[in-house]
């Protein structure tokens, strides 16, 4: 992992993957906690550096006993949110997950995940209302984002002072068709508030990755312009891998590239192996690849999981 992050070539491509959370919990019960590492030997473990934003409000949700969905905004207007208390970034509990995972996995790369600004705001207003607020109430949104920025900066600073490898920003800004907001709004309400966070991480010698679902083709230059070092997951069903290589020219590392919804759960084991090898040949030859997936569904046969990992481990330089 350190070789990849610093522009070198490792012996083989490093990897991680994500699955349906219930299936991951089931495999943890079979193979032990963090089965991706203890059973499959993954190279990355993600730790959560998550201040408890909006703890003074209780969301209204519906649940199927497995997943809960928030169904109403926490506030009736963005103006109301300006007076809500914010978490203390000095709270030691925020960093426990990263500390615990480093203690249990001293030889693995730790990606410390923290929410990007718009995803922090999302529970307050939910998506439709938040998008309207960006147009109808931009001054109030900016006031709130400036308050959040103070918490985010200190959280990032403290996280990057720890033994982590990547500051991993997460906030979904794309759907299957492309960005859900205009590039202008993404710059104004998201990336401009990440400049100092990214700078603090780089000053501490840490790389910065960004996670968003969906099709990112139209905004690859934005990630580069703001100093993001790598992106996740580049969902295979929405992207042409060769086009990604052409567009980025090695300027972005990729943490992803595997087809979680098509070949891996539904193909034969030989098709899974062929897919992994093909993606490695396209995406991995310059060493800027950490193979991973978005969520592989729980219906995926175990033999396909085994074939995927075996094929990844055969991708050598």
Protein backbone atom coordinates (compact mmCIF):
# COMPACT_ATOMS: atom_id res chain seq x y z
CA UNK A 1 0.00 0.00 0.00
CA UNK A 2 2.75 2.46 0.85
CA UNK A 3 4.38 1.81 -2.51
CA UNK A 4 1.13 2.53 -4.34
CA UNK A 5 0.41 5.67 -2.31
CA UNK A 6 3.89 6.98 -3.01
CA UNK A 7 3.99 6.20 -6.73
CA UNK A 8 5.83 2.89 -6.71
CA UNK A 9 5.01 -0.61 -7.90
CA UNK A 10 4.20 -3.28 -5.31
CA UNK A 11 4.60 -7.03 -5.77
CA UNK A 12 0.85 -7.35 -6.43
CA UNK A 13 -2.12 -5.04 -6.57
CA UNK A 14 -3.44 -4.26 -3.06
CA UNK A 15 -7.15 -4.71 -2.45
CA UNK A 16 -10.23 -4.37 -0.29
CA UNK A 17 -13.95 -4.78 -1.00
CA UNK A 18 -17.35 -3.91 0.42
CA UNK A 19 -20.50 -6.03 0.67
CA UNK A 20 -24.07 -5.91 1.84
CA UNK A 21 -23.73 -5.11 5.56
CA UNK A 22 -25.85 -8.03 6.74
CA UNK A 23 -23.74 -10.44 4.69
CA UNK A 24 -20.55 -8.91 6.04
CA UNK A 25 -21.85 -9.43 9.57
CA UNK A 26 -22.68 -13.05 8.72
CA UNK A 27 -19.16 -13.65 7.40
CA UNK A 28 -17.71 -11.99 10.49
CA UNK A 29 -19.59 -14.57 12.57
CA UNK A 30 -18.15 -17.38 10.46
CA UNK A 31 -14.56 -16.20 10.07
CA UNK A 32 -14.06 -13.67 12.85
CA UNK A 33 -14.18 -9.90 13.10
CA UNK A 34 -12.89 -8.01 10.06
CA UNK A 35 -13.15 -11.17 7.91
CA UNK A 36 -11.93 -9.29 4.83
CA UNK A 37 -8.56 -9.06 6.54
CA UNK A 38 -8.51 -12.15 8.77
CA UNK A 39 -9.91 -14.54 6.12
CA UNK A 40 -9.10 -12.97 2.77
CA UNK A 41 -6.01 -10.94 3.64
CA UNK A 42 -7.22 -7.54 2.39
CA UNK A 43 -4.69 -4.71 2.56
CA UNK A 44 -6.97 -1.85 3.61
CA UNK A 45 -9.26 -1.35 6.57
CA UNK A 46 -11.55 1.66 6.78
CA UNK A 47 -11.96 3.37 10.14
CA UNK A 48 -14.70 5.86 10.91
CA UNK A 49 -13.80 9.30 12.22
CA UNK A 50 -17.34 10.51 12.73
CA UNK A 51 -18.30 13.42 14.99
CA UNK A 52 -21.93 13.07 16.06
CA UNK A 53 -23.46 15.96 14.17
CA UNK A 54 -26.99 17.09 15.08
CA UNK A 55 -27.10 14.87 18.16
CA UNK A 56 -29.66 17.22 19.72
CA UNK A 57 -32.25 16.13 17.13
CA UNK A 58 -33.80 12.67 16.74
CA UNK A 59 -34.57 11.64 13.16
CA UNK A 60 -37.91 10.14 12.22
CA UNK A 61 -37.25 6.83 10.48
CA UNK A 62 -38.82 3.71 9.08
CA UNK A 63 -37.08 0.36 9.31
CA UNK A 64 -37.31 -3.18 7.95
CA UNK A 65 -35.41 -4.47 11.03
CA UNK A 66 -32.18 -4.34 9.02
CA UNK A 67 -31.94 -0.81 7.61
CA UNK A 68 -33.44 2.45 8.87
CA UNK A 69 -34.37 5.27 6.49
CA UNK A 70 -34.79 8.86 7.60
CA UNK A 71 -38.11 10.11 6.22
CA UNK A 72 -38.37 13.69 7.51
CA UNK A 73 -35.86 16.57 7.75
CA UNK A 74 -34.44 17.36 11.17
CA UNK A 75 -35.32 21.04 10.76
CA UNK A 76 -38.05 22.90 8.94
CA UNK A 77 -35.66 25.46 7.49
CA UNK A 78 -31.93 25.81 7.01
CA UNK A 79 -32.08 28.98 9.15
CA UNK A 80 -33.20 26.90 12.14
CA UNK A 81 -30.04 24.79 11.82
CA UNK A 82 -27.77 27.76 12.46
CA UNK A 83 -28.45 27.58 16.18
CA UNK A 84 -27.93 23.84 16.59
CA UNK A 85 -24.94 22.78 18.71
CA UNK A 86 -21.98 21.24 16.96
CA UNK A 87 -19.82 18.35 18.22
CA UNK A 88 -16.50 18.89 19.97
CA UNK A 89 -13.70 17.61 17.70
CA UNK A 90 -11.57 17.07 20.82
CA UNK A 91 -13.93 14.29 21.93
CA UNK A 92 -11.69 11.22 22.15
CA UNK A 93 -14.55 8.90 21.19
CA UNK A 94 -14.41 10.22 17.62
CA UNK A 95 -11.02 8.58 17.11
CA UNK A 96 -11.55 5.28 18.97
CA UNK A 97 -12.38 3.25 15.86
CA UNK A 98 -9.17 4.27 14.10
CA UNK A 99 -7.09 3.66 17.21
CA UNK A 100 -8.67 0.26 17.80
CA UNK A 101 -8.17 -0.86 14.20
CA UNK A 102 -4.57 0.30 14.18
CA UNK A 103 -3.92 -1.70 17.37
CA UNK A 104 -5.52 -4.83 15.88
CA UNK A 105 -4.02 -4.46 12.41
CA UNK A 106 -0.58 -2.84 12.71
CA UNK A 107 0.48 -3.95 9.22
CA UNK A 108 -2.57 -2.79 7.26
CA UNK A 109 -3.35 0.53 5.61
CA UNK A 110 -5.99 2.54 7.47
CA UNK A 111 -8.30 4.85 5.57
CA UNK A 112 -9.86 7.23 8.10
CA UNK A 113 -13.32 8.05 6.77
CA UNK A 114 -15.05 11.32 7.57
CA UNK A 115 -18.15 12.81 5.98
CA UNK A 116 -17.81 15.60 3.43
CA UNK A 117 -19.72 18.84 4.14
CA UNK A 118 -22.86 18.29 2.07
CA UNK A 119 -23.39 14.83 3.54
CA UNK A 120 -23.13 16.37 7.01
CA UNK A 121 -25.93 18.76 6.05
CA UNK A 122 -28.07 16.08 4.40
CA UNK A 123 -29.95 14.81 7.51
CA UNK A 124 -30.96 18.37 8.33
CA UNK A 125 -32.97 18.93 5.19
CA UNK A 126 -32.85 15.71 3.09
CA UNK A 127 -31.81 15.86 -0.53
CA UNK A 128 -34.60 17.75 -2.25
CA UNK A 129 -34.82 20.50 0.39
CA UNK A 130 -31.05 20.83 0.60
CA UNK A 131 -30.75 21.30 -3.16
CA UNK A 132 -33.42 24.02 -3.00
CA UNK A 133 -31.61 25.69 -0.10
CA UNK A 134 -28.45 26.02 -2.20
CA UNK A 135 -30.47 28.19 -4.59
CA UNK A 136 -33.00 29.86 -2.30
CA UNK A 137 -30.92 30.34 0.89
CA UNK A 138 -27.25 30.29 -0.10
CA UNK A 139 -26.16 32.78 2.56
CA UNK A 140 -27.54 30.62 5.37
CA UNK A 141 -25.98 27.51 3.86
CA UNK A 142 -22.61 29.24 3.72
CA UNK A 143 -22.93 30.40 7.33
CA UNK A 144 -23.61 26.85 8.41
CA UNK A 145 -20.80 25.43 6.28
CA UNK A 146 -18.33 27.91 7.77
CA UNK A 147 -19.28 26.69 11.24
CA UNK A 148 -18.91 23.07 10.13
CA UNK A 149 -15.56 23.81 8.54
CA UNK A 150 -14.05 24.57 11.95
CA UNK A 151 -15.12 21.17 13.28
CA UNK A 152 -14.01 19.37 10.13
CA UNK A 153 -10.60 21.04 10.09
CA UNK A 154 -9.83 20.10 13.69
CA UNK A 155 -11.17 16.57 13.20
CA UNK A 156 -8.99 16.13 10.11
CA UNK A 157 -5.97 17.56 11.88
CA UNK A 158 -6.35 15.17 14.81
CA UNK A 159 -7.02 12.20 12.54
CA UNK A 160 -3.98 12.94 10.40
CA UNK A 161 -1.80 13.17 13.51
CA UNK A 162 -2.62 9.50 14.10
CA UNK A 163 -1.09 6.47 12.39
CA UNK A 164 -3.39 6.45 9.38
CA UNK A 165 -2.53 6.25 5.70
CA UNK A 166 -5.37 8.07 3.94
CA UNK A 167 -7.90 10.71 4.94
CA UNK A 168 -10.99 9.33 3.23
CA UNK A 169 -13.73 11.89 2.53
CA UNK A 170 -17.17 10.44 1.79
CA UNK A 171 -20.13 12.22 0.28
CA UNK A 172 -22.31 11.04 -2.58
CA UNK A 173 -22.53 13.74 -5.26
CA UNK A 174 -23.32 11.67 -8.37
CA UNK A 175 -26.01 9.29 -9.57
CA UNK A 176 -25.90 6.90 -12.51
CA UNK A 177 -26.23 9.78 -14.99
CA UNK A 178 -23.58 12.07 -13.54
CA UNK A 179 -23.30 14.85 -10.92
CA UNK A 180 -26.45 15.62 -8.95
CA UNK A 181 -25.34 19.26 -8.62
CA UNK A 182 -23.79 21.60 -11.15
CA UNK A 183 -20.00 21.95 -11.14
CA UNK A 184 -20.49 25.55 -9.95
CA UNK A 185 -22.50 24.43 -6.93
CA UNK A 186 -20.06 21.61 -6.20
CA UNK A 187 -17.19 24.09 -6.14
CA UNK A 188 -19.06 26.64 -4.07
CA UNK A 189 -20.73 24.41 -1.47
CA UNK A 190 -18.43 21.39 -1.30
CA UNK A 191 -14.91 21.58 -2.65
CA UNK A 192 -14.17 25.14 -1.52
CA UNK A 193 -14.88 23.99 2.04
CA UNK A 194 -12.48 21.07 1.64
CA UNK A 195 -9.46 23.06 0.50
CA UNK A 196 -8.08 23.58 4.00
CA UNK A 197 -8.93 20.02 5.06
CA UNK A 198 -7.05 18.62 2.06
CA UNK A 199 -4.16 20.97 2.74
CA UNK A 200 -3.96 19.91 6.39
CA UNK A 201 -3.86 16.25 5.38
CA UNK A 202 -1.13 16.84 2.83
CA UNK A 203 0.87 18.88 5.35
CA UNK A 204 0.72 15.87 7.66
CA UNK A 205 1.99 13.60 4.89
CA UNK A 206 -1.35 11.86 4.28
CA UNK A 207 -3.09 11.21 0.99
CA UNK A 208 -6.71 12.27 0.49
CA UNK A 209 -9.27 10.07 -1.25
CA UNK A 210 -12.89 10.87 -2.06
CA UNK A 211 -15.83 8.44 -2.19
CA UNK A 212 -18.95 9.06 -4.19
CA UNK A 213 -21.35 6.62 -5.77
CA UNK A 214 -22.46 7.09 -9.36
CA UNK A 215 -20.92 8.32 -12.59
CA UNK A 216 -18.04 10.74 -11.93
CA UNK A 217 -16.84 11.11 -15.53
CA UNK A 218 -17.90 14.76 -15.86
CA UNK A 219 -16.16 15.94 -12.68
CA UNK A 220 -12.84 14.08 -12.74
CA UNK A 221 -11.05 17.38 -13.35
CA UNK A 222 -12.64 18.83 -10.19
CA UNK A 223 -11.05 16.15 -8.03
CA UNK A 224 -7.68 16.84 -9.60
CA UNK A 225 -8.03 20.62 -9.35
CA UNK A 226 -8.74 20.48 -5.61
CA UNK A 227 -5.83 18.17 -4.81
CA UNK A 228 -7.72 14.91 -4.25
CA UNK A 229 -5.23 12.04 -4.63
CA UNK A 230 -7.62 9.17 -5.32
CA UNK A 231 -11.29 8.32 -5.83
CA UNK A 232 -13.61 5.44 -4.98
CA UNK A 233 -15.26 3.32 -6.33
CA UNK A 234 -15.59 4.16 -10.08
CA UNK A 235 -18.51 1.76 -10.39
CA UNK A 236 -17.85 -0.44 -13.40
CA UNK A 237 -21.44 -0.37 -14.65
CA UNK A 238 -21.28 3.41 -15.19
CA UNK A 239 -17.73 3.89 -16.44
CA UNK A 240 -15.43 2.92 -19.27
CA UNK A 241 -12.16 2.02 -17.57
CA UNK A 242 -10.07 2.94 -20.59
CA UNK A 243 -11.77 6.34 -20.72
CA UNK A 244 -10.92 6.90 -17.04
CA UNK A 245 -7.25 6.18 -17.76
CA UNK A 246 -7.29 8.54 -20.76
CA UNK A 247 -9.03 11.34 -18.88
CA UNK A 248 -6.92 11.24 -15.74
CA UNK A 249 -3.52 10.35 -17.17
CA UNK A 250 -2.33 8.97 -13.86
CA UNK A 251 -3.34 12.09 -11.92
CA UNK A 252 -5.81 10.15 -9.73
CA UNK A 253 -5.31 6.89 -7.92
CA UNK A 254 -8.26 4.51 -8.03
CA UNK A 255 -9.61 2.66 -5.02
CA UNK A 256 -12.19 0.52 -6.76
CA UNK A 257 -12.85 -0.60 -10.33
CA UNK A 258 -14.65 -3.91 -9.70
CA UNK A 259 -18.16 -4.67 -10.95
CA UNK A 260 -20.08 -5.26 -7.74
CA UNK A 261 -23.54 -5.49 -9.35
CA UNK A 262 -22.87 -7.50 -12.51
CA UNK A 263 -20.08 -9.96 -13.01
CA UNK A 264 -19.02 -10.58 -9.41
CA UNK A 265 -22.41 -11.66 -8.00
CA UNK A 266 -23.93 -13.04 -11.21
CA UNK A 267 -21.12 -14.37 -13.39
CA UNK A 268 -19.39 -17.72 -13.36
CA UNK A 269 -16.15 -18.07 -11.41
CA UNK A 270 -14.21 -17.98 -14.69
CA UNK A 271 -16.02 -14.77 -15.70
CA UNK A 272 -15.18 -13.24 -12.32
CA UNK A 273 -11.50 -14.08 -12.77
CA UNK A 274 -11.50 -12.71 -16.32
CA UNK A 275 -13.15 -9.46 -15.15
CA UNK A 276 -10.56 -8.94 -12.40
CA UNK A 277 -7.68 -9.61 -14.77
CA UNK A 278 -9.11 -7.30 -17.47
CA UNK A 279 -9.62 -4.43 -15.00
CA UNK A 280 -6.09 -4.86 -13.70
CA UNK A 281 -4.66 -4.78 -17.21
CA UNK A 282 -6.51 -1.53 -17.96
CA UNK A 283 -6.39 0.28 -14.63
CA UNK A 284 -3.42 -1.14 -12.78
CA UNK A 285 -0.41 -1.16 -15.00
CA UNK A 286 0.91 2.18 -13.78
CA UNK A 287 0.60 1.08 -10.15
CA UNK A 288 -2.07 3.66 -9.27
CA UNK A 289 -4.68 1.04 -8.37
CA UNK A 290 -6.07 -0.36 -5.14
CA UNK A 291 -8.68 -2.87 -6.25
CA UNK A 292 -11.98 -2.59 -4.45
CA UNK A 293 -15.70 -2.64 -5.04
CA UNK A 294 -18.83 -0.84 -4.07
CA UNK A 295 -21.30 -3.03 -2.12
CA UNK A 296 -21.41 -6.60 -3.42
CA UNK A 297 -24.95 -7.92 -2.76
CA UNK A 298 -25.59 -10.66 -0.24
CA UNK A 299 -26.75 -13.02 -3.01
CA UNK A 300 -23.18 -13.31 -4.29
CA UNK A 301 -22.07 -16.98 -4.11
CA UNK A 302 -19.13 -17.63 -1.82
CA UNK A 303 -17.25 -19.32 -4.66
CA UNK A 304 -17.42 -16.04 -6.60
CA UNK A 305 -15.96 -14.18 -3.63
CA UNK A 306 -13.16 -16.72 -3.44
CA UNK A 307 -12.53 -16.45 -7.19
CA UNK A 308 -12.44 -12.65 -7.00
CA UNK A 309 -9.84 -12.59 -4.24
CA UNK A 310 -7.74 -15.34 -5.82
CA UNK A 311 -7.71 -13.44 -9.10
CA UNK A 312 -6.77 -10.16 -7.38
CA UNK A 313 -3.86 -11.82 -5.63
CA UNK A 314 -2.63 -13.15 -8.98
CA UNK A 315 -2.40 -9.59 -10.38
CA UNK A 316 1.33 -9.10 -9.99
CA UNK A 317 3.74 -6.50 -11.32
